[in-house]
Amino acid sequence: MARTTSSVPKKHRHKKTLAQAKGHYSVRHRQYRRAKESVMHALAYAYAHRRERKGDFRKLWILRIGAAARGHGISYSRLIAGLNAAGITLDRKVLADMAVRQPAGFAAVVEQAKQALPANA
C-alpha cells in the first residue's frame, strides 16, 4: 500500500491560518507557528470582547443619560427612580439616544419622572 502524507491538507490549513493573520505585525503574519498563536489569541480576545461590548455600551448610555439629566437638575439615579414610579419603560439605549438627538423629548420625559417622584425625597 502506498504511503500517504498530509501535505495537501497541511498546506490548506497553513494558508487558512496565514490568511486569518493578515494584518498582524511582523512574523505574526509570515511564519505559520507564530501566526497560529497570534490567530488563536485574536479569536479568544474577539470572543471575550463581543461580550464586554454590551457592558461598555451600557456604561456609555448611563454616562450620557446622567449628563443630560444633570442639565435638567436631577441626578441619574433619581431620574431612573422617577421613570419607574411613572411607569415609563424606556430602556437606557433609547433614553441616551433621546438625550443626544431629541433634547425636547428628553426634557418632557424628565419632567414626567420629576412629577412621579415623592415630594419629600
PDB file of N, CA and C in Angstrom:
ATOM      1  N   MET A   1       0.838  -1.176   0.000  1.00  0.00           N
ATOM      2  CA  MET A   1       0.000   0.000   0.000  1.00  0.00           C
ATOM      3  C   MET A   1       0.884   1.241   0.000  1.00  0.00           C
ATOM      4  N   ALA A   2       0.449   2.253  -0.735  1.00  0.00           N
ATOM      5  CA  ALA A   2       1.244   3.474  -0.873  1.00  0.00           C
ATOM      6  C   ALA A   2       1.207   4.276   0.417  1.00  0.00           C
ATOM      7  N   ARG A   3       2.300   4.925   0.698  1.00  0.00           N
ATOM      8  CA  ARG A   3       2.405   5.781   1.879  1.00  0.00           C
ATOM      9  C   ARG A   3       1.692   7.099   1.588  1.00  0.00           C
ATOM     10  N   THR A   4       0.875   7.562   2.526  1.00  0.00           N
ATOM     11  CA  THR A   4       0.184   8.838   2.326  1.00  0.00           C
ATOM     12  C   THR A   4       0.772   9.880   3.264  1.00  0.00           C
ATOM     13  N   THR A   5       0.742  11.100   2.814  1.00  0.00           N
ATOM     14  CA  THR A   5       1.197  12.213   3.645  1.00  0.00           C
ATOM     15  C   THR A   5       0.050  13.201   3.787  1.00  0.00           C
ATOM     16  N   SER A   6       0.190  14.096   4.709  1.00  0.00           N
ATOM     17  CA  SER A   6      -0.865  15.096   4.921  1.00  0.00           C
ATOM     18  C   SER A   6      -0.453  16.438   4.331  1.00  0.00           C
ATOM     19  N   SER A   7       0.392  16.395   3.299  1.00  0.00           N
ATOM     20  CA  SER A   7       0.951  17.648   2.799  1.00  0.00           C
ATOM     21  C   SER A   7      -0.102  18.585   2.208  1.00  0.00           C
ATOM     22  N   VAL A   8      -1.068  18.070   1.470  1.00  0.00           N
ATOM     23  CA  VAL A   8      -2.078  18.951   0.863  1.00  0.00           C
ATOM     24  C   VAL A   8      -2.994  19.544   1.936  1.00  0.00           C
ATOM     25  N   PRO A   9      -3.568  18.733   2.828  1.00  0.00           N
ATOM     26  CA  PRO A   9      -4.392  19.322   3.889  1.00  0.00           C
ATOM     27  C   PRO A   9      -3.593  20.284   4.775  1.00  0.00           C
ATOM     28  N   LYS A  10      -2.322  19.932   5.025  1.00  0.00           N
ATOM     29  CA  LYS A  10      -1.475  20.784   5.848  1.00  0.00           C
ATOM     30  C   LYS A  10      -1.277  22.139   5.172  1.00  0.00           C
ATOM     31  N   LYS A  11      -1.041  22.109   3.872  1.00  0.00           N
ATOM     32  CA  LYS A  11      -0.844  23.346   3.104  1.00  0.00           C
ATOM     33  C   LYS A  11      -2.106  24.215   3.193  1.00  0.00           C
ATOM     34  N   HIS A  12      -3.284  23.604   3.039  1.00  0.00           N
ATOM     35  CA  HIS A  12      -4.544  24.351   3.132  1.00  0.00           C
ATOM     36  C   HIS A  12      -4.732  24.942   4.529  1.00  0.00           C
ATOM     37  N   ARG A  13      -4.415  24.143   5.546  1.00  0.00           N
ATOM     38  CA  ARG A  13      -4.554  24.600   6.922  1.00  0.00           C
ATOM     39  C   ARG A  13      -3.638  25.783   7.186  1.00  0.00           C
ATOM     40  N   HIS A  14      -2.402  25.691   6.716  1.00  0.00           N
ATOM     41  CA  HIS A  14      -1.440  26.768   6.925  1.00  0.00           C
ATOM     42  C   HIS A  14      -1.881  28.031   6.184  1.00  0.00           C
ATOM     43  N   LYS A  15      -2.349  27.861   4.945  1.00  0.00           N
ATOM     44  CA  LYS A  15      -2.795  29.024   4.170  1.00  0.00           C
ATOM     45  C   LYS A  15      -3.976  29.717   4.840  1.00  0.00           C
ATOM     46  N   LYS A  16      -4.872  28.913   5.384  1.00  0.00           N
ATOM     47  CA  LYS A  16      -6.049  29.466   6.059  1.00  0.00           C
ATOM     48  C   LYS A  16      -5.638  30.285   7.285  1.00  0.00           C
ATOM     49  N   THR A  17      -4.727  29.723   8.074  1.00  0.00           N
ATOM     50  CA  THR A  17      -4.260  30.419   9.274  1.00  0.00           C
ATOM     51  C   THR A  17      -3.503  31.682   8.914  1.00  0.00           C
ATOM     52  N   LEU A  18      -2.643  31.614   7.904  1.00  0.00           N
ATOM     53  CA  LEU A  18      -1.888  32.796   7.492  1.00  0.00           C
ATOM     54  C   LEU A  18      -2.818  33.866   6.925  1.00  0.00           C
ATOM     55  N   ALA A  19      -3.889  33.448   6.268  1.00  0.00           N
ATOM     56  CA  ALA A  19      -4.866  34.412   5.762  1.00  0.00           C
ATOM     57  C   ALA A  19      -5.578  35.099   6.924  1.00  0.00           C
ATOM     58  N   GLN A  20      -5.876  34.343   7.979  1.00  0.00           N
ATOM     59  CA  GLN A  20      -6.520  34.934   9.159  1.00  0.00           C
ATOM     60  C   GLN A  20      -5.593  35.908   9.874  1.00  0.00           C
ATOM     61  N   ALA A  21      -4.275  35.680   9.744  1.00  0.00           N
ATOM     62  CA  ALA A  21      -3.291  36.522  10.418  1.00  0.00           C
ATOM     63  C   ALA A  21      -2.914  37.739   9.581  1.00  0.00           C
ATOM     64  N   LYS A  22      -3.553  37.914   8.451  1.00  0.00           N
ATOM     65  CA  LYS A  22      -3.249  39.053   7.590  1.00  0.00           C
ATOM     66  C   LYS A  22      -3.471  40.341   8.374  1.00  0.00           C
ATOM     67  N   GLY A  23      -2.489  41.219   8.343  1.00  0.00           N
ATOM     68  CA  GLY A  23      -2.596  42.463   9.084  1.00  0.00           C
ATOM     69  C   GLY A  23      -1.914  42.405  10.436  1.00  0.00           C
ATOM     70  N   HIS A  24      -1.519  41.224  10.885  1.00  0.00           N
ATOM     71  CA  HIS A  24      -0.796  41.130  12.152  1.00  0.00           C
ATOM     72  C   HIS A  24       0.640  41.590  11.928  1.00  0.00           C
ATOM     73  N   TYR A  25       1.287  41.984  13.004  1.00  0.00           N
ATOM     74  CA  TYR A  25       2.592  42.620  12.935  1.00  0.00           C
ATOM     75  C   TYR A  25       3.722  41.605  12.781  1.00  0.00           C
ATOM     76  N   SER A  26       4.725  41.974  11.976  1.00  0.00           N
ATOM     77  CA  SER A  26       5.999  41.263  11.851  1.00  0.00           C
ATOM     78  C   SER A  26       5.809  39.797  11.461  1.00  0.00           C
ATOM     79  N   VAL A  27       6.487  38.876  12.172  1.00  0.00           N
ATOM     80  CA  VAL A  27       6.438  37.463  11.796  1.00  0.00           C
ATOM     81  C   VAL A  27       5.090  36.826  12.110  1.00  0.00           C
ATOM     82  N   ARG A  28       4.222  37.556  12.804  1.00  0.00           N
ATOM     83  CA  ARG A  28       2.915  37.026  13.163  1.00  0.00           C
ATOM     84  C   ARG A  28       2.022  36.807  11.953  1.00  0.00           C
ATOM     85  N   HIS A  29       2.378  37.374  10.820  1.00  0.00           N
ATOM     86  CA  HIS A  29       1.604  37.102   9.602  1.00  0.00           C
ATOM     87  C   HIS A  29       2.437  36.387   8.540  1.00  0.00           C
ATOM     88  N   ARG A  30       3.693  36.064   8.876  1.00  0.00           N
ATOM     89  CA  ARG A  30       4.561  35.400   7.904  1.00  0.00           C
ATOM     90  C   ARG A  30       4.852  33.946   8.260  1.00  0.00           C
ATOM     91  N   GLN A  31       5.182  33.702   9.519  1.00  0.00           N
ATOM     92  CA  GLN A  31       5.559  32.354   9.949  1.00  0.00           C
ATOM     93  C   GLN A  31       4.327  31.642  10.520  1.00  0.00           C
ATOM     94  N   TYR A  32       4.108  30.405  10.065  1.00  0.00           N
ATOM     95  CA  TYR A  32       2.899  29.687  10.467  1.00  0.00           C
ATOM     96  C   TYR A  32       2.806  29.527  11.978  1.00  0.00           C
ATOM     97  N   ARG A  33       3.904  29.108  12.595  1.00  0.00           N
ATOM     98  CA  ARG A  33       3.845  28.814  14.034  1.00  0.00           C
ATOM     99  C   ARG A  33       3.472  30.058  14.826  1.00  0.00           C
ATOM    100  N   ARG A  34       4.080  31.185  14.493  1.00  0.00           N
ATOM    101  CA  ARG A  34       3.769  32.443  15.189  1.00  0.00           C
ATOM    102  C   ARG A  34       2.360  32.930  14.814  1.00  0.00           C
ATOM    103  N   ALA A  35       2.001  32.727  13.556  1.00  0.00           N
ATOM    104  CA  ALA A  35       0.679  33.168  13.100  1.00  0.00           C
ATOM    105  C   ALA A  35      -0.418  32.391  13.809  1.00  0.00           C
ATOM    106  N   LYS A  36      -0.192  31.104  14.016  1.00  0.00           N
ATOM    107  CA  LYS A  36      -1.200  30.272  14.683  1.00  0.00           C
ATOM    108  C   LYS A  36      -1.462  30.786  16.090  1.00  0.00           C
ATOM    109  N   GLU A  37      -0.392  31.088  16.826  1.00  0.00           N
ATOM    110  CA  GLU A  37      -0.532  31.645  18.183  1.00  0.00           C
ATOM    111  C   GLU A  37      -1.295  32.959  18.142  1.00  0.00           C
ATOM    112  N   SER A  38      -0.894  33.809  17.211  1.00  0.00           N
ATOM    113  CA  SER A  38      -1.491  35.130  17.102  1.00  0.00           C
ATOM    114  C   SER A  38      -2.980  35.043  16.779  1.00  0.00           C
ATOM    115  N   VAL A  39      -3.340  34.162  15.871  1.00  0.00           N
ATOM    116  CA  VAL A  39      -4.741  33.999  15.480  1.00  0.00           C
ATOM    117  C   VAL A  39      -5.551  33.424  16.639  1.00  0.00           C
ATOM    118  N   MET A  40      -4.992  32.453  17.338  1.00  0.00           N
ATOM    119  CA  MET A  40      -5.706  31.859  18.482  1.00  0.00           C
ATOM    120  C   MET A  40      -6.010  32.922  19.535  1.00  0.00           C
ATOM    121  N   HIS A  41      -5.007  33.763  19.844  1.00  0.00           N
ATOM    122  CA  HIS A  41      -5.224  34.818  20.824  1.00  0.00           C
ATOM    123  C   HIS A  41      -6.233  35.841  20.306  1.00  0.00           C
ATOM    124  N   ALA A  42      -6.104  36.201  19.027  1.00  0.00           N
ATOM    125  CA  ALA A  42      -7.017  37.192  18.455  1.00  0.00           C
ATOM    126  C   ALA A  42      -8.459  36.700  18.517  1.00  0.00           C
ATOM    127  N   LEU A  43      -8.679  35.430  18.206  1.00  0.00           N
ATOM    128  CA  LEU A  43     -10.035  34.882  18.246  1.00  0.00           C
ATOM    129  C   LEU A  43     -10.575  34.835  19.673  1.00  0.00           C
ATOM    130  N   ALA A  44      -9.704  34.524  20.624  1.00  0.00           N
ATOM    131  CA  ALA A  44     -10.129  34.496  22.029  1.00  0.00           C
ATOM    132  C   ALA A  44     -10.504  35.892  22.503  1.00  0.00           C
ATOM    133  N   TYR A  45      -9.682  36.889  22.131  1.00  0.00           N
ATOM    134  CA  TYR A  45      -9.981  38.267  22.513  1.00  0.00           C
ATOM    135  C   TYR A  45     -11.284  38.725  21.864  1.00  0.00           C
ATOM    136  N   ALA A  46     -11.472  38.385  20.596  1.00  0.00           N
ATOM    137  CA  ALA A  46     -12.689  38.796  19.888  1.00  0.00           C
ATOM    138  C   ALA A  46     -13.922  38.203  20.569  1.00  0.00           C
ATOM    139  N   TYR A  47     -13.850  36.945  20.976  1.00  0.00           N
ATOM    140  CA  TYR A  47     -14.970  36.279  21.639  1.00  0.00           C
ATOM    141  C   TYR A  47     -15.294  36.989  22.958  1.00  0.00           C
ATOM    142  N   ALA A  48     -14.262  37.229  23.762  1.00  0.00           N
ATOM    143  CA  ALA A  48     -14.475  37.849  25.074  1.00  0.00           C
ATOM    144  C   ALA A  48     -14.988  39.279  24.923  1.00  0.00           C
ATOM    145  N   HIS A  49     -14.423  40.019  23.990  1.00  0.00           N
ATOM    146  CA  HIS A  49     -14.766  41.429  23.863  1.00  0.00           C
ATOM    147  C   HIS A  49     -16.130  41.649  23.220  1.00  0.00           C
ATOM    148  N   ARG A  50     -16.622  40.649  22.487  1.00  0.00           N
ATOM    149  CA  ARG A  50     -18.000  40.763  21.995  1.00  0.00           C
ATOM    150  C   ARG A  50     -18.962  40.813  23.175  1.00  0.00           C
ATOM    151  N   ARG A  51     -18.640  40.110  24.225  1.00  0.00           N
ATOM    152  CA  ARG A  51     -19.483  40.129  25.417  1.00  0.00           C
ATOM    153  C   ARG A  51     -19.249  41.405  26.236  1.00  0.00           C
ATOM    154  N   GLU A  52     -17.995  41.842  26.304  1.00  0.00           N
ATOM    155  CA  GLU A  52     -17.679  43.064  27.050  1.00  0.00           C
ATOM    156  C   GLU A  52     -18.338  44.285  26.420  1.00  0.00           C
ATOM    157  N   ARG A  53     -18.498  44.248  25.105  1.00  0.00           N
ATOM    158  CA  ARG A  53     -19.052  45.405  24.388  1.00  0.00           C
ATOM    159  C   ARG A  53     -20.432  45.774  24.926  1.00  0.00           C
ATOM    160  N   LYS A  54     -21.204  44.771  25.330  1.00  0.00           N
ATOM    161  CA  LYS A  54     -22.545  45.041  25.855  1.00  0.00           C
ATOM    162  C   LYS A  54     -22.458  45.934  27.092  1.00  0.00           C
ATOM    163  N   GLY A  55     -21.544  45.600  27.990  1.00  0.00           N
ATOM    164  CA  GLY A  55     -21.360  46.407  29.196  1.00  0.00           C
ATOM    165  C   GLY A  55     -20.793  47.778  28.881  1.00  0.00           C
ATOM    166  N   ASP A  56     -19.903  47.852  27.892  1.00  0.00           N
ATOM    167  CA  ASP A  56     -19.311  49.136  27.510  1.00  0.00           C
ATOM    168  C   ASP A  56     -20.386  50.093  27.007  1.00  0.00           C
ATOM    169  N   PHE A  57     -21.297  49.567  26.185  1.00  0.00           N
ATOM    170  CA  PHE A  57     -22.358  50.431  25.674  1.00  0.00           C
ATOM    171  C   PHE A  57     -23.294  50.860  26.789  1.00  0.00           C
ATOM    172  N   ARG A  58     -23.596  49.941  27.712  1.00  0.00           N
ATOM    173  CA  ARG A  58     -24.474  50.310  28.823  1.00  0.00           C
ATOM    174  C   ARG A  58     -23.834  51.432  29.644  1.00  0.00           C
ATOM    175  N   LYS A  59     -22.514  51.349  29.891  1.00  0.00           N
ATOM    176  CA  LYS A  59     -21.812  52.410  30.627  1.00  0.00           C
ATOM    177  C   LYS A  59     -21.904  53.737  29.884  1.00  0.00           C
ATOM    178  N   LEU A  60     -21.727  53.698  28.561  1.00  0.00           N
ATOM    179  CA  LEU A  60     -21.809  54.908  27.746  1.00  0.00           C
ATOM    180  C   LEU A  60     -23.202  55.527  27.829  1.00  0.00           C
ATOM    181  N   TRP A  61     -24.240  54.676  27.715  1.00  0.00           N
ATOM    182  CA  TRP A  61     -25.608  55.184  27.776  1.00  0.00           C
ATOM    183  C   TRP A  61     -25.888  55.823  29.130  1.00  0.00           C
ATOM    184  N   ILE A  62     -25.439  55.184  30.203  1.00  0.00           N
ATOM    185  CA  ILE A  62     -25.669  55.713  31.544  1.00  0.00           C
ATOM    186  C   ILE A  62     -24.958  57.052  31.713  1.00  0.00           C
ATOM    187  N   LEU A  63     -23.753  57.151  31.187  1.00  0.00           N
ATOM    188  CA  LEU A  63     -22.993  58.392  31.252  1.00  0.00           C
ATOM    189  C   LEU A  63     -23.734  59.517  30.526  1.00  0.00           C
ATOM    190  N   ARG A  64     -24.239  59.234  29.328  1.00  0.00           N
ATOM    191  CA  ARG A  64     -24.954  60.252  28.551  1.00  0.00           C
ATOM    192  C   ARG A  64     -26.263  60.668  29.219  1.00  0.00           C
ATOM    193  N   ILE A  65     -26.986  59.685  29.729  1.00  0.00           N
ATOM    194  CA  ILE A  65     -28.256  59.991  30.403  1.00  0.00           C
ATOM    195  C   ILE A  65     -27.996  60.834  31.641  1.00  0.00           C
ATOM    196  N   GLY A  66     -26.972  60.447  32.402  1.00  0.00           N
ATOM    197  CA  GLY A  66     -26.631  61.182  33.624  1.00  0.00           C
ATOM    198  C   GLY A  66     -26.255  62.622  33.329  1.00  0.00           C
ATOM    199  N   ALA A  67     -25.463  62.833  32.283  1.00  0.00           N
ATOM    200  CA  ALA A  67     -25.049  64.189  31.923  1.00  0.00           C
ATOM    201  C   ALA A  67     -26.251  65.026  31.500  1.00  0.00           C
ATOM    202  N   ALA A  68     -27.131  64.444  30.697  1.00  0.00           N
ATOM    203  CA  ALA A  68     -28.317  65.169  30.236  1.00  0.00           C
ATOM    204  C   ALA A  68     -29.271  65.431  31.404  1.00  0.00           C
ATOM    205  N   ALA A  69     -29.394  64.468  32.306  1.00  0.00           N
ATOM    206  CA  ALA A  69     -30.290  64.630  33.457  1.00  0.00           C
ATOM    207  C   ALA A  69     -29.799  65.740  34.376  1.00  0.00           C
ATOM    208  N   ARG A  70     -28.482  65.798  34.601  1.00  0.00           N
ATOM    209  CA  ARG A  70     -27.938  66.868  35.447  1.00  0.00           C
ATOM    210  C   ARG A  70     -28.199  68.244  34.833  1.00  0.00           C
ATOM    211  N   GLY A  71     -28.258  68.298  33.510  1.00  0.00           N
ATOM    212  CA  GLY A  71     -28.608  69.550  32.834  1.00  0.00           C
ATOM    213  C   GLY A  71     -30.035  69.981  33.128  1.00  0.00           C
ATOM    214  N   HIS A  72     -30.884  69.042  33.531  1.00  0.00           N
ATOM    215  CA  HIS A  72     -32.280  69.339  33.877  1.00  0.00           C
ATOM    216  C   HIS A  72     -32.478  69.363  35.393  1.00  0.00           C
ATOM    217  N   GLY A  73     -31.385  69.338  36.152  1.00  0.00           N
ATOM    218  CA  GLY A  73     -31.473  69.481  37.601  1.00  0.00           C
ATOM    219  C   GLY A  73     -31.881  68.233  38.352  1.00  0.00           C
ATOM    220  N   ILE A  74     -31.546  67.064  37.842  1.00  0.00           N
ATOM    221  CA  ILE A  74     -31.877  65.808  38.519  1.00  0.00           C
ATOM    222  C   ILE A  74     -30.718  64.837  38.297  1.00  0.00           C
ATOM    223  N   SER A  75     -30.491  63.984  39.286  1.00  0.00           N
ATOM    224  CA  SER A  75     -29.408  63.006  39.143  1.00  0.00           C
ATOM    225  C   SER A  75     -29.895  61.802  38.345  1.00  0.00           C
ATOM    226  N   TYR A  76     -28.952  61.007  37.891  1.00  0.00           N
ATOM    227  CA  TYR A  76     -29.294  59.812  37.104  1.00  0.00           C
ATOM    228  C   TYR A  76     -30.170  58.860  37.916  1.00  0.00           C
ATOM    229  N   SER A  77     -29.761  58.592  39.158  1.00  0.00           N
ATOM    230  CA  SER A  77     -30.491  57.614  39.966  1.00  0.00           C
ATOM    231  C   SER A  77     -31.910  58.095  40.270  1.00  0.00           C
ATOM    232  N   ARG A  78     -32.064  59.409  40.528  1.00  0.00           N
ATOM    233  CA  ARG A  78     -33.405  59.963  40.781  1.00  0.00           C
ATOM    234  C   ARG A  78     -34.257  59.900  39.507  1.00  0.00           C
ATOM    235  N   LEU A  79     -33.618  60.126  38.348  1.00  0.00           N
ATOM    236  CA  LEU A  79     -34.343  60.046  37.081  1.00  0.00           C
ATOM    237  C   LEU A  79     -34.876  58.634  36.853  1.00  0.00           C
ATOM    238  N   ILE A  80     -34.024  57.644  37.054  1.00  0.00           N
ATOM    239  CA  ILE A  80     -34.439  56.250  36.852  1.00  0.00           C
ATOM    240  C   ILE A  80     -35.538  55.871  37.846  1.00  0.00           C
ATOM    241  N   ALA A  81     -35.400  56.319  39.095  1.00  0.00           N
ATOM    242  CA  ALA A  81     -36.430  56.045  40.101  1.00  0.00           C
ATOM    243  C   ALA A  81     -37.750  56.697  39.702  1.00  0.00           C
ATOM    244  N   GLY A  82     -37.682  57.925  39.194  1.00  0.00           N
ATOM    245  CA  GLY A  82     -38.888  58.629  38.755  1.00  0.00           C
ATOM    246  C   GLY A  82     -39.535  57.962  37.553  1.00  0.00           C
ATOM    247  N   LEU A  83     -38.713  57.476  36.607  1.00  0.00           N
ATOM    248  CA  LEU A  83     -39.251  56.775  35.448  1.00  0.00           C
ATOM    249  C   LEU A  83     -39.975  55.502  35.871  1.00  0.00           C
ATOM    250  N   ASN A  84     -39.381  54.774  36.810  1.00  0.00           N
ATOM    251  CA  ASN A  84     -40.018  53.556  37.313  1.00  0.00           C
ATOM    252  C   ASN A  84     -41.333  53.876  38.019  1.00  0.00           C
ATOM    253  N   ALA A  85     -41.322  54.948  38.811  1.00  0.00           N
ATOM    254  CA  ALA A  85     -42.535  55.342  39.537  1.00  0.00           C
ATOM    255  C   ALA A  85     -43.633  55.787  38.569  1.00  0.00           C
ATOM    256  N   ALA A  86     -43.230  56.427  37.476  1.00  0.00           N
ATOM    257  CA  ALA A  86     -44.204  56.910  36.492  1.00  0.00           C
ATOM    258  C   ALA A  86     -44.663  55.803  35.552  1.00  0.00           C
ATOM    259  N   GLY A  87     -44.000  54.669  35.611  1.00  0.00           N
ATOM    260  CA  GLY A  87     -44.369  53.555  34.743  1.00  0.00           C
ATOM    261  C   GLY A  87     -43.866  53.715  33.312  1.00  0.00           C
ATOM    262  N   ILE A  88     -42.822  54.513  33.142  1.00  0.00           N
ATOM    263  CA  ILE A  88     -42.247  54.723  31.810  1.00  0.00           C
ATOM    264  C   ILE A  88     -41.171  53.657  31.604  1.00  0.00           C
ATOM    265  N   THR A  89     -41.336  52.859  30.567  1.00  0.00           N
ATOM    266  CA  THR A  89     -40.424  51.732  30.347  1.00  0.00           C
ATOM    267  C   THR A  89     -39.535  51.957  29.123  1.00  0.00           C
ATOM    268  N   LEU A  90     -38.791  53.048  29.138  1.00  0.00           N
ATOM    269  CA  LEU A  90     -37.798  53.299  28.090  1.00  0.00           C
ATOM    270  C   LEU A  90     -36.469  52.726  28.563  1.00  0.00           C
ATOM    271  N   ASP A  91     -35.796  51.996  27.697  1.00  0.00           N
ATOM    272  CA  ASP A  91     -34.504  51.452  28.109  1.00  0.00           C
ATOM    273  C   ASP A  91     -33.415  52.518  27.980  1.00  0.00           C
ATOM    274  N   ARG A  92     -32.250  52.208  28.498  1.00  0.00           N
ATOM    275  CA  ARG A  92     -31.167  53.183  28.554  1.00  0.00           C
ATOM    276  C   ARG A  92     -30.667  53.581  27.165  1.00  0.00           C
ATOM    277  N   LYS A  93     -30.706  52.634  26.244  1.00  0.00           N
ATOM    278  CA  LYS A  93     -30.278  52.938  24.867  1.00  0.00           C
ATOM    279  C   LYS A  93     -31.160  54.029  24.261  1.00  0.00           C
ATOM    280  N   VAL A  94     -32.466  53.884  24.421  1.00  0.00           N
ATOM    281  CA  VAL A  94     -33.412  54.847  23.861  1.00  0.00           C
ATOM    282  C   VAL A  94     -33.297  56.189  24.582  1.00  0.00           C
ATOM    283  N   LEU A  95     -33.165  56.152  25.905  1.00  0.00           N
ATOM    284  CA  LEU A  95     -33.027  57.395  26.672  1.00  0.00           C
ATOM    285  C   LEU A  95     -31.772  58.164  26.259  1.00  0.00           C
ATOM    286  N   ALA A  96     -30.660  57.449  26.090  1.00  0.00           N
ATOM    287  CA  ALA A  96     -29.412  58.099  25.689  1.00  0.00           C
ATOM    288  C   ALA A  96     -29.549  58.697  24.298  1.00  0.00           C
ATOM    289  N   ASP A  97     -30.218  57.989  23.405  1.00  0.00           N
ATOM    290  CA  ASP A  97     -30.428  58.491  22.055  1.00  0.00           C
ATOM    291  C   ASP A  97     -31.315  59.742  22.082  1.00  0.00           C
ATOM    292  N   MET A  98     -32.348  59.716  22.916  1.00  0.00           N
ATOM    293  CA  MET A  98     -33.215  60.893  23.053  1.00  0.00           C
ATOM    294  C   MET A  98     -32.447  62.080  23.608  1.00  0.00           C
ATOM    295  N   ALA A  99     -31.592  61.828  24.588  1.00  0.00           N
ATOM    296  CA  ALA A  99     -30.825  62.907  25.213  1.00  0.00           C
ATOM    297  C   ALA A  99     -29.927  63.604  24.191  1.00  0.00           C
ATOM    298  N   VAL A 100     -29.395  62.836  23.236  1.00  0.00           N
ATOM    299  CA  VAL A 100     -28.484  63.405  22.242  1.00  0.00           C
ATOM    300  C   VAL A 100     -29.249  64.008  21.069  1.00  0.00           C
ATOM    301  N   ARG A 101     -30.242  63.285  20.542  1.00  0.00           N
ATOM    302  CA  ARG A 101     -30.886  63.686  19.283  1.00  0.00           C
ATOM    303  C   ARG A 101     -32.200  64.456  19.458  1.00  0.00           C
ATOM    304  N   GLN A 102     -32.895  64.246  20.585  1.00  0.00           N
ATOM    305  CA  GLN A 102     -34.188  64.904  20.798  1.00  0.00           C
ATOM    306  C   GLN A 102     -34.249  65.508  22.200  1.00  0.00           C
ATOM    307  N   PRO A 103     -33.537  66.598  22.421  1.00  0.00           N
ATOM    308  CA  PRO A 103     -33.495  67.183  23.776  1.00  0.00           C
ATOM    309  C   PRO A 103     -34.876  67.585  24.300  1.00  0.00           C
ATOM    310  N   ALA A 104     -35.747  68.033  23.426  1.00  0.00           N
ATOM    311  CA  ALA A 104     -37.086  68.437  23.885  1.00  0.00           C
ATOM    312  C   ALA A 104     -37.877  67.235  24.400  1.00  0.00           C
ATOM    313  N   GLY A 105     -37.804  66.145  23.690  1.00  0.00           N
ATOM    314  CA  GLY A 105     -38.487  64.921  24.125  1.00  0.00           C
ATOM    315  C   GLY A 105     -37.903  64.399  25.427  1.00  0.00           C
ATOM    316  N   PHE A 106     -36.585  64.470  25.547  1.00  0.00           N
ATOM    317  CA  PHE A 106     -35.926  64.024  26.786  1.00  0.00           C
ATOM    318  C   PHE A 106     -36.369  64.910  27.953  1.00  0.00           C
ATOM    319  N   ALA A 107     -36.480  66.218  27.706  1.00  0.00           N
ATOM    320  CA  ALA A 107     -36.917  67.140  28.761  1.00  0.00           C
ATOM    321  C   ALA A 107     -38.326  66.784  29.235  1.00  0.00           C
ATOM    322  N   ALA A 108     -39.190  66.414  28.302  1.00  0.00           N
ATOM    323  CA  ALA A 108     -40.557  66.030  28.668  1.00  0.00           C
ATOM    324  C   ALA A 108     -40.556  64.766  29.525  1.00  0.00           C
ATOM    325  N   VAL A 109     -39.718  63.815  29.167  1.00  0.00           N
ATOM    326  CA  VAL A 109     -39.616  62.576  29.955  1.00  0.00           C
ATOM    327  C   VAL A 109     -39.087  62.884  31.356  1.00  0.00           C
ATOM    328  N   VAL A 110     -38.096  63.774  31.438  1.00  0.00           N
ATOM    329  CA  VAL A 110     -37.527  64.151  32.743  1.00  0.00           C
ATOM    330  C   VAL A 110     -38.598  64.808  33.605  1.00  0.00           C
ATOM    331  N   GLU A 111     -39.415  65.674  33.017  1.00  0.00           N
ATOM    332  CA  GLU A 111     -40.483  66.335  33.783  1.00  0.00           C
ATOM    333  C   GLU A 111     -41.491  65.322  34.321  1.00  0.00           C
ATOM    334  N   GLN A 112     -41.854  64.356  33.513  1.00  0.00           N
ATOM    335  CA  GLN A 112     -42.766  63.312  33.985  1.00  0.00           C
ATOM    336  C   GLN A 112     -42.135  62.521  35.127  1.00  0.00           C
ATOM    337  N   ALA A 113     -40.836  62.235  35.014  1.00  0.00           N
ATOM    338  CA  ALA A 113     -40.145  61.495  36.072  1.00  0.00           C
ATOM    339  C   ALA A 113     -40.094  62.317  37.351  1.00  0.00           C
ATOM    340  N   LYS A 114     -39.858  63.627  37.229  1.00  0.00           N
ATOM    341  CA  LYS A 114     -39.806  64.507  38.409  1.00  0.00           C
ATOM    342  C   LYS A 114     -41.166  64.535  39.113  1.00  0.00           C
ATOM    343  N   GLN A 115     -42.231  64.610  38.339  1.00  0.00           N
ATOM    344  CA  GLN A 115     -43.576  64.660  38.917  1.00  0.00           C
ATOM    345  C   GLN A 115     -43.939  63.344  39.614  1.00  0.00           C
ATOM    346  N   ALA A 116     -43.410  62.238  39.135  1.00  0.00           N
ATOM    347  CA  ALA A 116     -43.751  60.940  39.723  1.00  0.00           C
ATOM    348  C   ALA A 116     -42.988  60.679  41.023  1.00  0.00           C
ATOM    349  N   LEU A 117     -41.902  61.439  41.248  1.00  0.00           N
ATOM    350  CA  LEU A 117     -41.127  61.252  42.482  1.00  0.00           C
ATOM    351  C   LEU A 117     -41.889  61.773  43.679  1.00  0.00           C
ATOM    352  N   PRO A 118     -41.722  61.144  44.851  1.00  0.00           N
ATOM    353  CA  PRO A 118     -42.361  61.679  46.062  1.00  0.00           C
ATOM    354  C   PRO A 118     -41.765  63.046  46.407  1.00  0.00           C
ATOM    355  N   ALA A 119     -42.592  63.919  46.956  1.00  0.00           N
ATOM    356  CA  ALA A 119     -42.175  65.313  47.223  1.00  0.00           C
ATOM    357  C   ALA A 119     -41.111  65.416  48.296  1.00  0.00           C
ATOM    358  N   ASN A 120     -41.132  64.549  49.326  1.00  0.00           N
ATOM    359  CA  ASN A 120     -40.206  64.677  50.438  1.00  0.00           C
ATOM    360  C   ASN A 120     -38.808  64.114  50.135  1.00  0.00           C
ATOM    361  N   ALA A 121     -38.658  63.311  49.112  1.00  0.00           N
ATOM    362  CA  ALA A 121     -37.370  62.668  48.850  1.00  0.00           C
ATOM    363  C   ALA A 121     -36.455  63.534  48.035  1.00  0.00           C
TER     364      ALA A 121
END
